[in-house]
């Protein structure tokens, strides 16, 4: 979940490994939705007035979205797990379709077409194969970790550490990884610029991370 500057609430919803619901605008599986704080629907949502569509839908065509962050420049970024490959880091654009399960940068028991074959779908800014299995995500805004300010930091489950992504204008790229030897579920920034992590699993720990 993420609150915008106008206090509307954005919420991600996975498609529960069903595929087709991500393209079905009569439901909210595989979508990012946008609502007001009282649960009402903002009048400027893209599918308001579309026959049969859920008016809370903001974007569609998502598989398993976890990270959702408003950047300091006001733009909304999202990370999601792909199938067999094809984890994604996306710029979220009002009313856009991100293609699942019509296209993907990974496969799902069968080879799927890539985003490049369907320019009508929004392609990820970054994709990962092999997967990192992204969990939570932040944009780092502190000074404690030199050179990290403004970078997005993704928790890696399969990646077993942190992955840093740097956005430059309309492009993005992975710039570094920090191996931690454990499945990382969540990442948060403390008020002093330290980073807090949650490990995944029955023996998972809460860890404070400081520069070496």
Protein backbone atom coordinates (compact mmCIF):
# COMPACT_ATOMS: atom_id res chain seq x y z
CA UNK A 1 0.00 0.00 0.00
CA UNK A 2 1.10 3.58 -0.61
CA UNK A 3 -0.49 6.98 0.03
CA UNK A 4 -0.18 9.66 -2.64
CA UNK A 5 0.36 13.33 -1.88
CA UNK A 6 -3.39 13.87 -2.36
CA UNK A 7 -4.00 11.23 0.38
CA UNK A 8 -5.56 8.69 -2.00
CA UNK A 9 -4.53 5.11 -1.21
CA UNK A 10 -2.98 2.73 -3.76
CA UNK A 11 -3.15 -1.02 -3.05
CA UNK A 12 -1.61 -3.93 -4.97
CA UNK A 13 -3.43 -7.22 -5.50
CA UNK A 14 -1.94 -10.40 -6.97
CA UNK A 15 -3.76 -12.63 -9.45
CA UNK A 16 -3.49 -15.73 -7.18
CA UNK A 17 -1.64 -17.78 -9.83
CA UNK A 18 -4.67 -17.78 -12.10
CA UNK A 19 -3.35 -15.63 -14.97
CA UNK A 20 -6.54 -14.55 -16.71
CA UNK A 21 -7.97 -12.40 -13.89
CA UNK A 22 -5.10 -9.92 -14.35
CA UNK A 23 -6.71 -8.83 -17.65
CA UNK A 24 -10.31 -8.92 -16.38
CA UNK A 25 -11.52 -5.41 -15.50
CA UNK A 26 -14.62 -6.80 -13.74
CA UNK A 27 -12.41 -7.81 -10.79
CA UNK A 28 -9.42 -6.53 -8.84
CA UNK A 29 -7.06 -9.55 -8.98
CA UNK A 30 -3.79 -8.64 -10.69
CA UNK A 31 -4.43 -4.92 -10.33
CA UNK A 32 -3.32 -1.80 -8.54
CA UNK A 33 -6.38 -0.04 -7.16
CA UNK A 34 -6.85 3.54 -5.97
CA UNK A 35 -9.40 4.62 -3.39
CA UNK A 36 -10.07 7.56 -1.09
CA UNK A 37 -9.39 7.23 2.63
CA UNK A 38 -13.09 6.72 3.32
CA UNK A 39 -13.28 3.87 0.79
CA UNK A 40 -15.01 5.89 -1.93
CA UNK A 41 -13.77 5.95 -5.53
CA UNK A 42 -11.89 9.00 -6.87
CA UNK A 43 -13.81 10.48 -9.80
CA UNK A 44 -10.67 10.69 -11.96
CA UNK A 45 -9.81 6.98 -11.80
CA UNK A 46 -9.27 5.69 -15.36
CA UNK A 47 -12.12 3.14 -15.44
CA UNK A 48 -14.80 5.27 -13.82
CA UNK A 49 -17.76 5.14 -16.22
CA UNK A 50 -16.47 2.08 -18.13
CA UNK A 51 -19.27 -0.46 -18.39
CA UNK A 52 -18.64 -3.52 -16.20
CA UNK A 53 -15.27 -2.29 -14.90
CA UNK A 54 -14.36 -1.98 -11.26
CA UNK A 55 -13.96 1.79 -10.86
CA UNK A 56 -11.22 1.42 -8.25
CA UNK A 57 -8.78 -0.05 -10.82
CA UNK A 58 -5.75 2.15 -11.51
CA UNK A 59 -3.60 -0.30 -13.53
CA UNK A 60 -3.93 -3.93 -14.63
CA UNK A 61 -1.90 -6.85 -15.95
CA UNK A 62 0.13 -7.52 -12.78
CA UNK A 63 1.19 -10.95 -11.54
CA UNK A 64 2.43 -10.75 -7.96
CA UNK A 65 3.14 -7.14 -6.98
CA UNK A 66 4.88 -6.52 -3.65
CA UNK A 67 6.77 -3.21 -3.61
CA UNK A 68 4.89 0.07 -4.12
CA UNK A 69 6.65 3.39 -3.55
CA UNK A 70 5.98 7.03 -4.37
CA UNK A 71 9.35 8.52 -5.28
CA UNK A 72 10.51 11.92 -4.15
CA UNK A 73 9.63 13.25 -7.64
CA UNK A 74 6.01 12.13 -7.18
CA UNK A 75 6.10 9.18 -9.56
CA UNK A 76 4.84 5.75 -8.48
CA UNK A 77 7.09 2.68 -8.83
CA UNK A 78 6.24 -0.97 -8.27
CA UNK A 79 8.09 -4.29 -8.12
CA UNK A 80 6.58 -7.70 -8.73
CA UNK A 81 7.49 -11.35 -8.96
CA UNK A 82 7.56 -12.92 -12.39
CA UNK A 83 6.98 -16.63 -13.10
CA UNK A 84 10.05 -18.63 -14.22
CA UNK A 85 12.14 -15.50 -14.66
CA UNK A 86 10.89 -12.03 -15.43
CA UNK A 87 10.70 -10.26 -12.08
CA UNK A 88 9.81 -6.63 -12.77
CA UNK A 89 10.50 -3.06 -11.66
CA UNK A 90 7.81 -0.83 -13.16
CA UNK A 91 6.89 2.82 -13.48
CA UNK A 92 3.16 2.90 -12.76
CA UNK A 93 1.14 5.00 -15.20
CA UNK A 94 -2.56 5.78 -14.85
CA UNK A 95 -4.73 3.24 -16.73
CA UNK A 96 -1.79 1.25 -18.13
CA UNK A 97 -1.75 -2.50 -18.76
CA UNK A 98 1.48 -4.33 -17.81
CA UNK A 99 0.69 -7.42 -19.82
CA UNK A 100 0.39 -10.41 -17.51
CA UNK A 101 -0.39 -13.17 -18.59
CA UNK A 102 -0.37 -12.21 -22.28
CA UNK A 103 3.30 -11.18 -22.25
CA UNK A 104 6.11 -11.54 -19.74
CA UNK A 105 9.89 -11.40 -19.49
CA UNK A 106 9.70 -14.90 -17.95
CA UNK A 107 7.94 -18.15 -18.77
CA UNK A 108 5.12 -19.99 -17.03
CA UNK A 109 5.41 -23.65 -17.90
CA UNK A 110 5.39 -22.53 -21.53
CA UNK A 111 7.38 -19.87 -23.36
CA UNK A 112 5.49 -16.58 -23.19
CA UNK A 113 5.83 -13.68 -25.67
CA UNK A 114 8.01 -10.80 -24.47
CA UNK A 115 6.85 -7.23 -23.97
CA UNK A 116 8.76 -6.21 -27.08
CA UNK A 117 6.22 -8.13 -29.18
CA UNK A 118 3.31 -6.10 -27.81
CA UNK A 119 4.12 -2.39 -27.50
CA UNK A 120 0.52 -1.79 -26.35
CA UNK A 121 1.57 -3.21 -22.96
CA UNK A 122 3.86 -1.31 -20.60
CA UNK A 123 7.24 -3.03 -20.33
CA UNK A 124 9.25 -3.11 -17.09
CA UNK A 125 12.08 -0.64 -16.65
CA UNK A 126 14.16 -3.50 -15.22
CA UNK A 127 13.55 -7.26 -15.29
CA UNK A 128 15.44 -10.12 -13.68
CA UNK A 129 16.14 -13.62 -14.97
CA UNK A 130 17.20 -15.52 -12.87
CA UNK A 131 14.69 -14.11 -10.42
CA UNK A 132 15.44 -12.16 -7.27
CA UNK A 133 11.84 -12.66 -5.97
CA UNK A 134 11.39 -9.07 -4.76
CA UNK A 135 9.64 -8.48 -1.47
CA UNK A 136 9.31 -5.00 0.03
CA UNK A 137 10.88 -1.91 -1.55
CA UNK A 138 11.90 1.60 -0.48
CA UNK A 139 13.47 4.64 -2.07
CA UNK A 140 16.43 5.46 0.13
CA UNK A 141 16.48 9.13 1.14
CA UNK A 142 19.14 9.13 3.85
CA UNK A 143 22.85 9.95 3.95
CA UNK A 144 24.07 7.11 6.16
CA UNK A 145 24.80 4.86 3.17
CA UNK A 146 27.04 6.89 0.88
CA UNK A 147 25.92 6.95 -2.73
CA UNK A 148 22.54 5.35 -2.04
CA UNK A 149 20.42 8.50 -1.82
CA UNK A 150 17.59 8.34 -4.34
CA UNK A 151 18.16 4.68 -5.20
CA UNK A 152 15.39 2.12 -4.83
CA UNK A 153 16.27 -0.76 -2.50
CA UNK A 154 14.46 -4.06 -3.03
CA UNK A 155 14.31 -6.94 -0.59
CA UNK A 156 15.36 -10.17 -2.31
CA UNK A 157 13.87 -13.50 -1.26
CA UNK A 158 15.55 -15.77 -3.79
CA UNK A 159 18.21 -13.08 -4.16
CA UNK A 160 18.97 -13.43 -0.41
CA UNK A 161 19.92 -9.81 0.09
CA UNK A 162 19.23 -6.31 -1.16
CA UNK A 163 19.13 -5.10 -4.76
CA UNK A 164 19.68 -1.42 -5.60
CA UNK A 165 18.00 0.11 -8.64
CA UNK A 166 18.77 3.60 -9.90
CA UNK A 167 16.22 5.57 -11.94
CA UNK A 168 17.48 8.17 -14.38
CA UNK A 169 14.68 9.99 -16.13
CA UNK A 170 12.58 7.36 -17.91
CA UNK A 171 15.15 4.55 -17.58
CA UNK A 172 16.40 2.42 -14.71
CA UNK A 173 19.10 -0.15 -14.05
CA UNK A 174 20.40 -2.37 -11.27
CA UNK A 175 23.50 -0.75 -9.78
CA UNK A 176 24.48 -3.08 -6.91
CA UNK A 177 23.56 -6.03 -4.73
CA UNK A 178 24.26 -6.63 -1.07
CA UNK A 179 24.43 -10.33 -0.22
CA UNK A 180 23.06 -11.19 3.23
CA UNK A 181 22.77 -14.98 3.04
CA UNK A 182 19.09 -15.05 3.97
CA UNK A 183 15.72 -14.57 2.32
CA UNK A 184 14.80 -10.92 2.90
CA UNK A 185 11.06 -10.22 3.04
CA UNK A 186 10.88 -6.53 3.95
CA UNK A 187 13.07 -3.45 3.98
CA UNK A 188 12.44 -0.09 5.67
CA UNK A 189 14.46 3.07 6.33
CA UNK A 190 14.79 4.38 9.87
CA UNK A 191 14.67 8.10 10.72
CA UNK A 192 18.46 8.10 11.23
CA UNK A 193 19.11 6.61 7.78
CA UNK A 194 19.77 3.07 9.02
CA UNK A 195 18.05 0.26 7.12
CA UNK A 196 15.85 -2.29 8.84
CA UNK A 197 15.24 -5.76 7.40
CA UNK A 198 12.91 -8.67 8.07
CA UNK A 199 14.16 -12.14 7.23
CA UNK A 200 11.67 -14.67 5.88
CA UNK A 201 10.83 -17.95 7.61
CA UNK A 202 10.18 -19.41 11.04
CA UNK A 203 13.59 -18.31 12.33
CA UNK A 204 13.51 -14.92 10.58
CA UNK A 205 15.11 -12.00 12.40
CA UNK A 206 14.61 -8.24 12.53
CA UNK A 207 17.96 -6.72 11.57
CA UNK A 208 19.32 -3.19 11.69
CA UNK A 209 21.78 -2.59 8.88
CA UNK A 210 24.52 0.04 9.13
CA UNK A 211 27.43 0.78 6.78
CA UNK A 212 30.57 -1.26 7.46
